[in-house]
Every structure is written in structure tokens, then in C-alpha cells.
C-alpha atoms as a PDB file:
ATOM      1  CA  MET A   1      83.136 110.025  97.904  1.00  0.00           C
ATOM      2  CA  VAL A   2      86.485 108.479  98.671  1.00  0.00           C
ATOM      3  CA  ARG A   3      87.526 108.769 102.282  1.00  0.00           C
ATOM      4  CA  LEU A   4      90.699 110.512 103.383  1.00  0.00           C
ATOM      5  CA  SER A   5      91.888 107.257 104.942  1.00  0.00           C
ATOM      6  CA  THR A   6      91.903 105.622 101.509  1.00  0.00           C
ATOM      7  CA  TYR A   7      94.209 108.345 100.204  1.00  0.00           C
ATOM      8  CA  VAL A   8      96.463 107.931 103.243  1.00  0.00           C
ATOM      9  CA  ILE A   9      96.704 104.155 102.675  1.00  0.00           C
ATOM     10  CA  LEU A  10      97.441 104.669  98.969  1.00  0.00           C
ATOM     11  CA  ALA A  11     100.141 107.226  99.807  1.00  0.00           C
ATOM     12  CA  GLY A  12     101.724 104.682 102.160  1.00  0.00           C
ATOM     13  CA  VAL A  13     101.745 102.030  99.441  1.00  0.00           C
ATOM     14  CA  VAL A  14     103.389 104.474  97.023  1.00  0.00           C
ATOM     15  CA  MET A  15     106.046 105.307  99.644  1.00  0.00           C
ATOM     16  CA  LEU A  16     106.971 101.625  99.878  1.00  0.00           C
ATOM     17  CA  PHE A  17     108.249 101.829  96.291  1.00  0.00           C
ATOM     18  CA  VAL A  18     110.256 105.059  96.676  1.00  0.00           C
ATOM     19  CA  PRO A  19     113.951 104.269  96.075  1.00  0.00           C
ATOM     20  CA  ILE A  20     115.126 105.423  99.521  1.00  0.00           C
ATOM     21  CA  PRO A  21     114.761 102.085 101.320  1.00  0.00           C
ATOM     22  CA  PRO A  22     115.142 102.713 105.060  1.00  0.00           C
ATOM     23  CA  ILE A  23     113.273 106.010 105.276  1.00  0.00           C
ATOM     24  CA  ALA A  24     110.576 105.315 102.698  1.00  0.00           C
ATOM     25  CA  THR A  25     109.825 101.835 104.023  1.00  0.00           C
ATOM     26  CA  ILE A  26     109.381 103.053 107.596  1.00  0.00           C
ATOM     27  CA  LEU A  27     107.252 106.026 106.509  1.00  0.00           C
ATOM     28  CA  GLY A  28     105.223 103.820 104.182  1.00  0.00           C
ATOM     29  CA  VAL A  29     104.402 101.310 106.891  1.00  0.00           C
ATOM     30  CA  LEU A  30     103.564 104.065 109.378  1.00  0.00           C
ATOM     31  CA  THR A  31     101.369 105.828 106.836  1.00  0.00           C
ATOM     32  CA  ILE A  32      99.488 102.630 106.013  1.00  0.00           C
ATOM     33  CA  GLY A  33      99.023 102.034 109.750  1.00  0.00           C
ATOM     34  CA  ILE A  34      97.649 105.543 110.244  1.00  0.00           C
ATOM     35  CA  GLY A  35      95.270 105.039 107.330  1.00  0.00           C
ATOM     36  CA  VAL A  36      93.995 101.760 108.769  1.00  0.00           C
ATOM     37  CA  VAL A  37      93.471 103.364 112.179  1.00  0.00           C
ATOM     38  CA  MET A  38      91.600 106.260 110.542  1.00  0.00           C
ATOM     39  CA  ARG A  39      89.437 103.730 108.675  1.00  0.00           C
ATOM     40  CA  LEU A  40      88.616 101.850 111.880  1.00  0.00           C
ATOM     41  CA  LEU A  41      87.857 104.964 113.937  1.00  0.00           C
ATOM     42  CA  GLY A  42      85.930 106.794 111.215  1.00  0.00           C
END
């Protein structure tokens, strides 16, 4: 079963390519960071 953190990281990567640069880039990086933290803690 795929972990929730994997989905969170993938969502962050997708957000990096959304054509709203300042907002999407910041949210993408934060989302990837949250996913990595979830992976390390879980």
C-alpha cells in the first residue's frame, strides 16, 4: 500500500509545474517538505 506521504510528495511535485509561479512554487516546496517530514516520522 502506498503511503500518504508519497501522495503528498507527488502533489508537491505537480504543484511545481502549475502555471502560477510564485504561489505554486512556494506551495509545491512546502508540500514536498511536509511529505518528507511525514516519511521520516512515519
